[in-house]
Amino acid sequence: MGGVTDLSSRYGTSKRPRWFWPAVAAVGITLGVAFAAWVGFQKDPVTGRLWGYEVLDDNLVAVKLDVIRPDPLAVQCTVYAQSEDHSIVGEKTVDIPASPREKVRVEIDIETQSRAVNGVLRTCVPAD
């Protein structure tokens, strides 16, 4: 059996400078932090918050929302009701007119096809 062959002498080497991978990591981290800051400081034109819900009977759920909008925008909110097995048993989209008040509480009645156990806010977005 012969001597051990040095693979770098046989195939050559492509050596990167020592600073290459730390520089790539620094650029990636900088881009990630910049993106997170950009997303974090974006102002949502509309925020909807579920204030509460009440199951009134086997075919009706009342959902209360707080709609917050810095400008007097018209808003469209979608809510739904779920049954005990988490299936959607009723859904409703309502238009909330523009108002000079920044925060408005809205009650929405959802008709259901069977008994619901909760009400859920899907979205609140500026109306078209």
C-alpha atoms as a PDB file:
ATOM      1  CA  MET A   1       0.000   0.000   0.000  1.00  0.00           C
ATOM      2  CA  GLY A   2       1.418   3.363  -0.983  1.00  0.00           C
ATOM      3  CA  GLY A   3       1.600   6.639   0.863  1.00  0.00           C
ATOM      4  CA  VAL A   4      -1.392   8.773   1.718  1.00  0.00           C
ATOM      5  CA  THR A   5      -2.285  11.261  -1.010  1.00  0.00           C
ATOM      6  CA  ASP A   6      -2.954  14.855   0.002  1.00  0.00           C
ATOM      7  CA  LEU A   7      -6.347  15.615  -1.548  1.00  0.00           C
ATOM      8  CA  SER A   8      -5.690  19.354  -1.709  1.00  0.00           C
ATOM      9  CA  SER A   9      -2.642  18.756  -3.879  1.00  0.00           C
ATOM     10  CA  ARG A  10      -4.645  16.463  -6.131  1.00  0.00           C
ATOM     11  CA  TYR A  11      -7.840  18.563  -6.477  1.00  0.00           C
ATOM     12  CA  GLY A  12      -6.757  22.010  -5.416  1.00  0.00           C
ATOM     13  CA  THR A  13      -8.532  24.238  -2.928  1.00  0.00           C
ATOM     14  CA  SER A  14     -10.906  27.146  -3.202  1.00  0.00           C
ATOM     15  CA  LYS A  15     -10.339  29.065  -0.060  1.00  0.00           C
ATOM     16  CA  ARG A  16     -12.679  31.852   0.993  1.00  0.00           C
ATOM     17  CA  PRO A  17     -11.384  34.594   3.229  1.00  0.00           C
ATOM     18  CA  ARG A  18     -12.084  34.145   6.935  1.00  0.00           C
ATOM     19  CA  TRP A  19     -14.469  37.129   6.958  1.00  0.00           C
ATOM     20  CA  PHE A  20     -16.772  35.736   4.217  1.00  0.00           C
ATOM     21  CA  TRP A  21     -19.342  33.785   6.335  1.00  0.00           C
ATOM     22  CA  PRO A  22     -19.480  36.328   9.183  1.00  0.00           C
ATOM     23  CA  ALA A  23     -20.103  39.032   6.565  1.00  0.00           C
ATOM     24  CA  VAL A  24     -22.914  36.983   4.973  1.00  0.00           C
ATOM     25  CA  ALA A  25     -24.469  36.432   8.428  1.00  0.00           C
ATOM     26  CA  ALA A  26     -24.195  40.151   9.289  1.00  0.00           C
ATOM     27  CA  VAL A  27     -25.912  41.151   6.035  1.00  0.00           C
ATOM     28  CA  GLY A  28     -28.686  38.587   6.630  1.00  0.00           C
ATOM     29  CA  ILE A  29     -29.268  39.742  10.199  1.00  0.00           C
ATOM     30  CA  THR A  30     -29.301  43.388   9.129  1.00  0.00           C
ATOM     31  CA  LEU A  31     -31.883  42.688   6.418  1.00  0.00           C
ATOM     32  CA  GLY A  32     -34.028  40.686   8.862  1.00  0.00           C
ATOM     33  CA  VAL A  33     -33.992  43.438  11.488  1.00  0.00           C
ATOM     34  CA  ALA A  34     -34.761  46.102   8.875  1.00  0.00           C
ATOM     35  CA  PHE A  35     -37.723  44.085   7.552  1.00  0.00           C
ATOM     36  CA  ALA A  36     -39.078  43.457  11.066  1.00  0.00           C
ATOM     37  CA  ALA A  37     -38.825  47.167  11.881  1.00  0.00           C
ATOM     38  CA  TRP A  38     -40.585  48.112   8.657  1.00  0.00           C
ATOM     39  CA  VAL A  39     -43.441  45.674   9.330  1.00  0.00           C
ATOM     40  CA  GLY A  40     -43.661  46.695  12.988  1.00  0.00           C
ATOM     41  CA  PHE A  41     -43.992  50.402  12.292  1.00  0.00           C
ATOM     42  CA  GLN A  42     -46.636  50.088   9.563  1.00  0.00           C
ATOM     43  CA  LYS A  43     -49.861  51.672  10.770  1.00  0.00           C
ATOM     44  CA  ASP A  44     -52.915  49.527  10.217  1.00  0.00           C
ATOM     45  CA  PRO A  45     -55.731  51.616   8.781  1.00  0.00           C
ATOM     46  CA  VAL A  46     -58.293  49.484  10.660  1.00  0.00           C
ATOM     47  CA  THR A  47     -58.115  47.268  13.722  1.00  0.00           C
ATOM     48  CA  GLY A  48     -60.950  45.032  14.810  1.00  0.00           C
ATOM     49  CA  ARG A  49     -61.112  43.420  18.240  1.00  0.00           C
ATOM     50  CA  LEU A  50     -63.623  40.896  19.483  1.00  0.00           C
ATOM     51  CA  TRP A  51     -65.146  42.409  22.610  1.00  0.00           C
ATOM     52  CA  GLY A  52     -67.470  39.517  23.370  1.00  0.00           C
ATOM     53  CA  TYR A  53     -70.158  37.182  22.123  1.00  0.00           C
ATOM     54  CA  GLU A  54     -73.373  35.693  23.428  1.00  0.00           C
ATOM     55  CA  VAL A  55     -75.162  32.570  22.232  1.00  0.00           C
ATOM     56  CA  LEU A  56     -78.792  33.707  22.302  1.00  0.00           C
ATOM     57  CA  ASP A  57     -80.432  30.478  21.142  1.00  0.00           C
ATOM     58  CA  ASP A  58     -79.875  27.492  18.833  1.00  0.00           C
ATOM     59  CA  ASN A  59     -79.931  29.711  15.729  1.00  0.00           C
ATOM     60  CA  LEU A  60     -78.534  33.073  16.849  1.00  0.00           C
ATOM     61  CA  VAL A  61     -75.234  34.431  18.181  1.00  0.00           C
ATOM     62  CA  ALA A  62     -74.572  38.097  19.009  1.00  0.00           C
ATOM     63  CA  VAL A  63     -70.982  39.253  18.493  1.00  0.00           C
ATOM     64  CA  LYS A  64     -69.659  42.580  19.822  1.00  0.00           C
ATOM     65  CA  LEU A  65     -66.660  44.197  18.134  1.00  0.00           C
ATOM     66  CA  ASP A  66     -64.540  47.232  18.793  1.00  0.00           C
ATOM     67  CA  VAL A  67     -63.528  48.799  15.478  1.00  0.00           C
ATOM     68  CA  ILE A  68     -60.612  51.224  15.710  1.00  0.00           C
ATOM     69  CA  ARG A  69     -59.743  53.455  12.755  1.00  0.00           C
ATOM     70  CA  PRO A  70     -57.613  56.608  12.892  1.00  0.00           C
ATOM     71  CA  ASP A  71     -59.357  58.143   9.888  1.00  0.00           C
ATOM     72  CA  PRO A  72     -63.116  58.259   9.342  1.00  0.00           C
ATOM     73  CA  LEU A  73     -63.101  55.219   7.030  1.00  0.00           C
ATOM     74  CA  ALA A  74     -65.975  52.958   6.092  1.00  0.00           C
ATOM     75  CA  VAL A  75     -65.113  49.441   7.272  1.00  0.00           C
ATOM     76  CA  GLN A  76     -66.233  45.950   6.339  1.00  0.00           C
ATOM     77  CA  CYS A  77     -66.040  43.273   9.065  1.00  0.00           C
ATOM     78  CA  THR A  78     -66.625  39.538   8.743  1.00  0.00           C
ATOM     79  CA  VAL A  79     -67.567  37.421  11.757  1.00  0.00           C
ATOM     80  CA  TYR A  80     -68.526  33.779  12.094  1.00  0.00           C
ATOM     81  CA  ALA A  81     -69.922  31.338  14.634  1.00  0.00           C
ATOM     82  CA  GLN A  82     -68.517  27.909  15.394  1.00  0.00           C
ATOM     83  CA  SER A  83     -70.166  24.795  16.733  1.00  0.00           C
ATOM     84  CA  GLU A  84     -68.664  22.564  19.402  1.00  0.00           C
ATOM     85  CA  ASP A  85     -66.708  20.571  16.779  1.00  0.00           C
ATOM     86  CA  HIS A  86     -65.188  23.849  15.417  1.00  0.00           C
ATOM     87  CA  SER A  87     -67.169  23.808  12.185  1.00  0.00           C
ATOM     88  CA  ILE A  88     -68.539  27.129  10.953  1.00  0.00           C
ATOM     89  CA  VAL A  89     -72.303  27.223  11.401  1.00  0.00           C
ATOM     90  CA  GLY A  90     -72.920  30.853  10.463  1.00  0.00           C
ATOM     91  CA  GLU A  91     -71.085  33.787   8.926  1.00  0.00           C
ATOM     92  CA  LYS A  92     -71.904  37.415   8.258  1.00  0.00           C
ATOM     93  CA  THR A  93     -70.155  40.392   6.668  1.00  0.00           C
ATOM     94  CA  VAL A  94     -71.340  43.851   7.683  1.00  0.00           C
ATOM     95  CA  ASP A  95     -70.541  47.341   6.455  1.00  0.00           C
ATOM     96  CA  ILE A  96     -69.759  49.884   9.149  1.00  0.00           C
ATOM     97  CA  PRO A  97     -70.145  53.459   7.883  1.00  0.00           C
ATOM     98  CA  ALA A  98     -67.473  56.118   8.298  1.00  0.00           C
ATOM     99  CA  SER A  99     -67.594  57.976  11.588  1.00  0.00           C
ATOM    100  CA  PRO A 100     -65.611  60.815  13.137  1.00  0.00           C
ATOM    101  CA  ARG A 101     -65.142  58.628  16.264  1.00  0.00           C
ATOM    102  CA  GLU A 102     -61.931  56.637  16.255  1.00  0.00           C
ATOM    103  CA  LYS A 103     -63.358  53.712  18.255  1.00  0.00           C
ATOM    104  CA  VAL A 104     -66.820  52.283  17.609  1.00  0.00           C
ATOM    105  CA  ARG A 105     -68.486  49.297  19.289  1.00  0.00           C
ATOM    106  CA  VAL A 106     -70.691  47.280  16.955  1.00  0.00           C
ATOM    107  CA  GLU A 107     -73.040  44.379  17.709  1.00  0.00           C
ATOM    108  CA  ILE A 108     -73.637  41.865  14.923  1.00  0.00           C
ATOM    109  CA  ASP A 109     -76.261  39.107  15.029  1.00  0.00           C
ATOM    110  CA  ILE A 110     -75.259  35.912  13.211  1.00  0.00           C
ATOM    111  CA  GLU A 111     -77.964  33.460  12.204  1.00  0.00           C
ATOM    112  CA  THR A 112     -76.691  29.888  12.545  1.00  0.00           C
ATOM    113  CA  GLN A 113     -77.774  26.591  11.063  1.00  0.00           C
ATOM    114  CA  SER A 114     -77.215  24.762  14.366  1.00  0.00           C
ATOM    115  CA  ARG A 115     -76.211  25.660  17.920  1.00  0.00           C
ATOM    116  CA  ALA A 116     -72.979  27.616  18.115  1.00  0.00           C
ATOM    117  CA  VAL A 117     -70.636  27.787  21.078  1.00  0.00           C
ATOM    118  CA  ASN A 118     -68.712  30.955  20.165  1.00  0.00           C
ATOM    119  CA  GLY A 119     -68.385  33.922  17.858  1.00  0.00           C
ATOM    120  CA  VAL A 120     -65.149  34.808  16.058  1.00  0.00           C
ATOM    121  CA  LEU A 121     -63.888  37.893  14.247  1.00  0.00           C
ATOM    122  CA  ARG A 122     -62.393  36.958  10.864  1.00  0.00           C
ATOM    123  CA  THR A 123     -61.403  40.362   9.434  1.00  0.00           C
ATOM    124  CA  CYS A 124     -62.010  44.085   9.548  1.00  0.00           C
ATOM    125  CA  VAL A 125     -60.754  45.940   6.483  1.00  0.00           C
ATOM    126  CA  PRO A 126     -61.397  49.308   4.850  1.00  0.00           C
ATOM    127  CA  ALA A 127     -64.490  49.045   2.642  1.00  0.00           C
ATOM    128  CA  ASP A 128     -64.021  49.373  -1.103  1.00  0.00           C
END
